[in-house]
PDB file of N, CA and C in Angstrom:
ATOM      1  N   MET A   1      -7.789 -12.223   1.296  1.00  0.00           N
ATOM      2  CA  MET A   1      -7.277 -11.448   2.416  1.00  0.00           C
ATOM      3  C   MET A   1      -7.444 -12.278   3.691  1.00  0.00           C
ATOM      4  N   ASN A   2      -6.419 -12.288   4.533  1.00  0.00           N
ATOM      5  CA  ASN A   2      -6.435 -13.037   5.779  1.00  0.00           C
ATOM      6  C   ASN A   2      -6.943 -12.128   6.896  1.00  0.00           C
ATOM      7  N   ASP A   3      -7.986 -12.560   7.581  1.00  0.00           N
ATOM      8  CA  ASP A   3      -8.565 -11.747   8.655  1.00  0.00           C
ATOM      9  C   ASP A   3      -8.049 -12.143  10.033  1.00  0.00           C
ATOM     10  N   GLU A   4      -7.004 -12.968  10.083  1.00  0.00           N
ATOM     11  CA  GLU A   4      -6.439 -13.373  11.362  1.00  0.00           C
ATOM     12  C   GLU A   4      -5.879 -12.144  12.075  1.00  0.00           C
ATOM     13  N   LEU A   5      -6.090 -12.074  13.379  1.00  0.00           N
ATOM     14  CA  LEU A   5      -5.607 -10.942  14.173  1.00  0.00           C
ATOM     15  C   LEU A   5      -4.448 -11.388  15.057  1.00  0.00           C
ATOM     16  N   TRP A   6      -3.471 -10.522  15.191  1.00  0.00           N
ATOM     17  CA  TRP A   6      -2.238 -10.813  15.908  1.00  0.00           C
ATOM     18  C   TRP A   6      -2.061  -9.798  17.039  1.00  0.00           C
ATOM     19  N   THR A   7      -1.469 -10.234  18.140  1.00  0.00           N
ATOM     20  CA  THR A   7      -1.108  -9.291  19.201  1.00  0.00           C
ATOM     21  C   THR A   7       0.097  -8.482  18.726  1.00  0.00           C
ATOM     22  N   ALA A   8       0.395  -7.411  19.426  1.00  0.00           N
ATOM     23  CA  ALA A   8       1.562  -6.596  19.073  1.00  0.00           C
ATOM     24  C   ALA A   8       2.837  -7.427  19.145  1.00  0.00           C
ATOM     25  N   GLU A   9       2.940  -8.287  20.133  1.00  0.00           N
ATOM     26  CA  GLU A   9       4.128  -9.118  20.298  1.00  0.00           C
ATOM     27  C   GLU A   9       4.278 -10.098  19.139  1.00  0.00           C
ATOM     28  N   GLU A  10       3.185 -10.736  18.749  1.00  0.00           N
ATOM     29  CA  GLU A  10       3.217 -11.690  17.638  1.00  0.00           C
ATOM     30  C   GLU A  10       3.550 -10.987  16.326  1.00  0.00           C
ATOM     31  N   ALA A  11       2.884  -9.862  16.078  1.00  0.00           N
ATOM     32  CA  ALA A  11       3.104  -9.119  14.835  1.00  0.00           C
ATOM     33  C   ALA A  11       4.532  -8.584  14.771  1.00  0.00           C
ATOM     34  N   ALA A  12       5.040  -8.098  15.892  1.00  0.00           N
ATOM     35  CA  ALA A  12       6.403  -7.577  15.927  1.00  0.00           C
ATOM     36  C   ALA A  12       7.411  -8.665  15.574  1.00  0.00           C
ATOM     37  N   ALA A  13       7.224  -9.852  16.122  1.00  0.00           N
ATOM     38  CA  ALA A  13       8.130 -10.965  15.823  1.00  0.00           C
ATOM     39  C   ALA A  13       8.080 -11.320  14.341  1.00  0.00           C
ATOM     40  N   GLU A  14       6.912 -11.283  13.762  1.00  0.00           N
ATOM     41  CA  GLU A  14       6.739 -11.635  12.350  1.00  0.00           C
ATOM     42  C   GLU A  14       7.379 -10.592  11.427  1.00  0.00           C
ATOM     43  N   VAL A  15       7.260  -9.317  11.781  1.00  0.00           N
ATOM     44  CA  VAL A  15       7.771  -8.226  10.945  1.00  0.00           C
ATOM     45  C   VAL A  15       9.255  -7.962  11.210  1.00  0.00           C
ATOM     46  N   GLY A  16       9.725  -8.324  12.405  1.00  0.00           N
ATOM     47  CA  GLY A  16      11.130  -8.117  12.741  1.00  0.00           C
ATOM     48  C   GLY A  16      11.412  -6.817  13.464  1.00  0.00           C
ATOM     49  N   VAL A  17      10.440  -6.354  14.246  1.00  0.00           N
ATOM     50  CA  VAL A  17      10.623  -5.155  15.065  1.00  0.00           C
ATOM     51  C   VAL A  17      10.282  -5.507  16.510  1.00  0.00           C
ATOM     52  N   LYS A  18      10.527  -4.585  17.413  1.00  0.00           N
ATOM     53  CA  LYS A  18      10.183  -4.801  18.816  1.00  0.00           C
ATOM     54  C   LYS A  18       8.712  -4.458  19.043  1.00  0.00           C
ATOM     55  N   PRO A  19       8.068  -5.097  20.022  1.00  0.00           N
ATOM     56  CA  PRO A  19       6.668  -4.771  20.315  1.00  0.00           C
ATOM     57  C   PRO A  19       6.456  -3.286  20.604  1.00  0.00           C
ATOM     58  N   GLY A  20       7.425  -2.644  21.219  1.00  0.00           N
ATOM     59  CA  GLY A  20       7.314  -1.213  21.485  1.00  0.00           C
ATOM     60  C   GLY A  20       7.199  -0.387  20.214  1.00  0.00           C
ATOM     61  N   THR A  21       7.791  -0.884  19.135  1.00  0.00           N
ATOM     62  CA  THR A  21       7.693  -0.202  17.843  1.00  0.00           C
ATOM     63  C   THR A  21       6.258  -0.228  17.348  1.00  0.00           C
ATOM     64  N   ILE A  22       5.603  -1.368  17.503  1.00  0.00           N
ATOM     65  CA  ILE A  22       4.195  -1.493  17.101  1.00  0.00           C
ATOM     66  C   ILE A  22       3.355  -0.487  17.880  1.00  0.00           C
ATOM     67  N   HIS A  23       3.585  -0.411  19.187  1.00  0.00           N
ATOM     68  CA  HIS A  23       2.826   0.527  20.024  1.00  0.00           C
ATOM     69  C   HIS A  23       3.126   1.981  19.635  1.00  0.00           C
ATOM     70  N   ALA A  24       4.366   2.268  19.278  1.00  0.00           N
ATOM     71  CA  ALA A  24       4.726   3.627  18.841  1.00  0.00           C
ATOM     72  C   ALA A  24       4.009   3.978  17.544  1.00  0.00           C
ATOM     73  N   TRP A  25       3.910   3.017  16.627  1.00  0.00           N
ATOM     74  CA  TRP A  25       3.202   3.273  15.368  1.00  0.00           C
ATOM     75  C   TRP A  25       1.737   3.589  15.629  1.00  0.00           C
ATOM     76  N   VAL A  26       1.143   2.906  16.601  1.00  0.00           N
ATOM     77  CA  VAL A  26      -0.258   3.190  16.954  1.00  0.00           C
ATOM     78  C   VAL A  26      -0.352   4.611  17.501  1.00  0.00           C
ATOM     79  N   HIS A  27       0.536   4.945  18.421  1.00  0.00           N
ATOM     80  CA  HIS A  27       0.528   6.271  19.047  1.00  0.00           C
ATOM     81  C   HIS A  27       0.710   7.381  18.004  1.00  0.00           C
ATOM     82  N   ARG A  28       1.554   7.133  17.004  1.00  0.00           N
ATOM     83  CA  ARG A  28       1.838   8.139  15.969  1.00  0.00           C
ATOM     84  C   ARG A  28       0.820   8.143  14.839  1.00  0.00           C
ATOM     85  N   GLY A  29      -0.114   7.195  14.866  1.00  0.00           N
ATOM     86  CA  GLY A  29      -1.155   7.155  13.847  1.00  0.00           C
ATOM     87  C   GLY A  29      -0.787   6.392  12.589  1.00  0.00           C
ATOM     88  N   TYR A  30       0.338   5.663  12.607  1.00  0.00           N
ATOM     89  CA  TYR A  30       0.757   4.884  11.439  1.00  0.00           C
ATOM     90  C   TYR A  30       0.001   3.568  11.333  1.00  0.00           C
ATOM     91  N   LEU A  31      -0.568   3.110  12.440  1.00  0.00           N
ATOM     92  CA  LEU A  31      -1.191   1.794  12.511  1.00  0.00           C
ATOM     93  C   LEU A  31      -2.406   1.879  13.417  1.00  0.00           C
ATOM     94  N   THR A  32      -3.490   1.248  12.998  1.00  0.00           N
ATOM     95  CA  THR A  32      -4.719   1.245  13.785  1.00  0.00           C
ATOM     96  C   THR A  32      -5.065  -0.181  14.181  1.00  0.00           C
ATOM     97  N   PRO A  33      -5.226  -0.437  15.476  1.00  0.00           N
ATOM     98  CA  PRO A  33      -5.633  -1.782  15.892  1.00  0.00           C
ATOM     99  C   PRO A  33      -7.035  -2.097  15.375  1.00  0.00           C
ATOM    100  N   GLN A  34      -7.293  -3.355  15.115  1.00  0.00           N
ATOM    101  CA  GLN A  34      -8.609  -3.775  14.646  1.00  0.00           C
ATOM    102  C   GLN A  34      -9.599  -3.884  15.798  1.00  0.00           C
ATOM    103  N   ARG A  35      -9.115  -4.375  16.931  1.00  0.00           N
ATOM    104  CA  ARG A  35      -9.958  -4.456  18.129  1.00  0.00           C
ATOM    105  C   ARG A  35      -9.075  -4.811  19.311  1.00  0.00           C
ATOM    106  N   LYS A  36      -9.694  -4.904  20.478  1.00  0.00           N
ATOM    107  CA  LYS A  36      -8.975  -5.271  21.696  1.00  0.00           C
ATOM    108  C   LYS A  36      -9.490  -6.601  22.212  1.00  0.00           C
ATOM    109  N   ARG A  37      -8.575  -7.397  22.753  1.00  0.00           N
ATOM    110  CA  ARG A  37      -8.944  -8.630  23.448  1.00  0.00           C
ATOM    111  C   ARG A  37      -8.339  -8.507  24.841  1.00  0.00           C
ATOM    112  N   GLY A  38      -9.188  -8.464  25.843  1.00  0.00           N
ATOM    113  CA  GLY A  38      -8.685  -8.161  27.173  1.00  0.00           C
ATOM    114  C   GLY A  38      -8.167  -6.733  27.140  1.00  0.00           C
ATOM    115  N   GLY A  39      -6.907  -6.536  27.437  1.00  0.00           N
ATOM    116  CA  GLY A  39      -6.312  -5.207  27.340  1.00  0.00           C
ATOM    117  C   GLY A  39      -5.377  -5.065  26.158  1.00  0.00           C
ATOM    118  N   ALA A  40      -5.294  -6.114  25.318  1.00  0.00           N
ATOM    119  CA  ALA A  40      -4.320  -6.121  24.221  1.00  0.00           C
ATOM    120  C   ALA A  40      -4.951  -5.692  22.902  1.00  0.00           C
ATOM    121  N   HIS A  41      -4.257  -4.825  22.191  1.00  0.00           N
ATOM    122  CA  HIS A  41      -4.677  -4.478  20.838  1.00  0.00           C
ATOM    123  C   HIS A  41      -4.392  -5.653  19.916  1.00  0.00           C
ATOM    124  N   LEU A  42      -5.242  -5.826  18.920  1.00  0.00           N
ATOM    125  CA  LEU A  42      -5.045  -6.865  17.914  1.00  0.00           C
ATOM    126  C   LEU A  42      -4.937  -6.208  16.546  1.00  0.00           C
ATOM    127  N   PHE A  43      -4.056  -6.756  15.709  1.00  0.00           N
ATOM    128  CA  PHE A  43      -3.735  -6.159  14.419  1.00  0.00           C
ATOM    129  C   PHE A  43      -3.830  -7.184  13.303  1.00  0.00           C
ATOM    130  N   ARG A  44      -4.167  -6.704  12.113  1.00  0.00           N
ATOM    131  CA  ARG A  44      -4.036  -7.539  10.918  1.00  0.00           C
ATOM    132  C   ARG A  44      -2.575  -7.443  10.499  1.00  0.00           C
ATOM    133  N   LEU A  45      -1.977  -8.578  10.196  1.00  0.00           N
ATOM    134  CA  LEU A  45      -0.562  -8.604   9.855  1.00  0.00           C
ATOM    135  C   LEU A  45      -0.271  -7.764   8.614  1.00  0.00           C
ATOM    136  N   GLU A  46      -1.176  -7.769   7.652  1.00  0.00           N
ATOM    137  CA  GLU A  46      -0.955  -6.964   6.438  1.00  0.00           C
ATOM    138  C   GLU A  46      -0.883  -5.473   6.774  1.00  0.00           C
ATOM    139  N   ASP A  47      -1.629  -5.024   7.785  1.00  0.00           N
ATOM    140  CA  ASP A  47      -1.564  -3.620   8.201  1.00  0.00           C
ATOM    141  C   ASP A  47      -0.213  -3.301   8.836  1.00  0.00           C
ATOM    142  N   VAL A  48       0.320  -4.261   9.600  1.00  0.00           N
ATOM    143  CA  VAL A  48       1.619  -4.057  10.245  1.00  0.00           C
ATOM    144  C   VAL A  48       2.721  -3.984   9.187  1.00  0.00           C
ATOM    145  N   PHE A  49       2.672  -4.888   8.203  1.00  0.00           N
ATOM    146  CA  PHE A  49       3.656  -4.838   7.120  1.00  0.00           C
ATOM    147  C   PHE A  49       3.538  -3.533   6.332  1.00  0.00           C
ATOM    148  N   ALA A  50       2.325  -3.055   6.112  1.00  0.00           N
ATOM    149  CA  ALA A  50       2.122  -1.792   5.393  1.00  0.00           C
ATOM    150  C   ALA A  50       2.698  -0.621   6.191  1.00  0.00           C
ATOM    151  N   ALA A  51       2.522  -0.628   7.505  1.00  0.00           N
ATOM    152  CA  ALA A  51       3.080   0.436   8.345  1.00  0.00           C
ATOM    153  C   ALA A  51       4.605   0.413   8.273  1.00  0.00           C
ATOM    154  N   GLU A  52       5.186  -0.778   8.295  1.00  0.00           N
ATOM    155  CA  GLU A  52       6.643  -0.915   8.202  1.00  0.00           C
ATOM    156  C   GLU A  52       7.139  -0.412   6.846  1.00  0.00           C
ATOM    157  N   ALA A  53       6.467  -0.776   5.780  1.00  0.00           N
ATOM    158  CA  ALA A  53       6.861  -0.335   4.439  1.00  0.00           C
ATOM    159  C   ALA A  53       6.732   1.184   4.312  1.00  0.00           C
ATOM    160  N   GLY A  54       5.668   1.750   4.850  1.00  0.00           N
ATOM    161  CA  GLY A  54       5.476   3.194   4.808  1.00  0.00           C
ATOM    162  C   GLY A  54       6.527   3.934   5.601  1.00  0.00           C
ATOM    163  N   ARG A  55       6.911   3.384   6.726  1.00  0.00           N
ATOM    164  CA  ARG A  55       7.945   3.989   7.554  1.00  0.00           C
ATOM    165  C   ARG A  55       9.279   3.989   6.814  1.00  0.00           C
ATOM    166  N   LYS A  56       9.593   2.894   6.134  1.00  0.00           N
ATOM    167  CA  LYS A  56      10.851   2.823   5.385  1.00  0.00           C
ATOM    168  C   LYS A  56      10.857   3.814   4.227  1.00  0.00           C
ATOM    169  N   ARG A  57       9.727   3.933   3.519  1.00  0.00           N
ATOM    170  CA  ARG A  57       9.651   4.888   2.405  1.00  0.00           C
ATOM    171  C   ARG A  57       9.839   6.313   2.910  1.00  0.00           C
ATOM    172  N   LYS A  58       9.192   6.647   4.013  1.00  0.00           N
ATOM    173  CA  LYS A  58       9.290   7.999   4.566  1.00  0.00           C
ATOM    174  C   LYS A  58      10.730   8.289   4.986  1.00  0.00           C
ATOM    175  N   HIS A  59      11.389   7.312   5.599  1.00  0.00           N
ATOM    176  CA  HIS A  59      12.772   7.481   6.042  1.00  0.00           C
ATOM    177  C   HIS A  59      13.695   7.706   4.844  1.00  0.00           C
ATOM    178  N   ARG A  60      13.498   6.960   3.765  1.00  0.00           N
ATOM    179  CA  ARG A  60      14.337   7.123   2.571  1.00  0.00           C
ATOM    180  C   ARG A  60      14.171   8.516   1.970  1.00  0.00           C
ATOM    181  N   ARG A  61      12.971   9.045   1.977  1.00  0.00           N
ATOM    182  CA  ARG A  61      12.739  10.380   1.416  1.00  0.00           C
ATOM    183  C   ARG A  61      13.502  11.439   2.198  1.00  0.00           C
ATOM    184  N   LYS A  62      13.540  11.314   3.515  1.00  0.00           N
ATOM    185  CA  LYS A  62      14.240  12.295   4.335  1.00  0.00           C
ATOM    186  C   LYS A  62      15.742  12.256   4.078  1.00  0.00           C
ATOM    187  N   VAL A  63      16.290  11.072   3.881  1.00  0.00           N
ATOM    188  CA  VAL A  63      17.726  10.904   3.699  1.00  0.00           C
ATOM    189  C   VAL A  63      18.152  11.366   2.315  1.00  0.00           C
ATOM    190  N   ALA A  64      17.334  11.087   1.316  1.00  0.00           N
ATOM    191  CA  ALA A  64      17.706  11.377  -0.084  1.00  0.00           C
ATOM    192  C   ALA A  64      17.719  12.842  -0.405  1.00  0.00           C
TER     193      ALA A  64
END
C-alpha cells in the first residue's frame, strides 16, 4: 500500500475530476482527508479512486 499523500488538486488531476469534486466528496462524506498541511487537505490516492468508483456504482444503480 502506498502511503503517499496528495493535495485535492493533485488527486483530482490523477483521477480525472475537478478539485471541486474532491471537496464535494469530502463535504458529502464520500472521502475523508488523511490530514492537513497548512490549510490543504491531503488524501491517499487509493481513497480518491475508491470514492470515484463508489460514486459511479451508486449512479448506475439509480439509472438502472
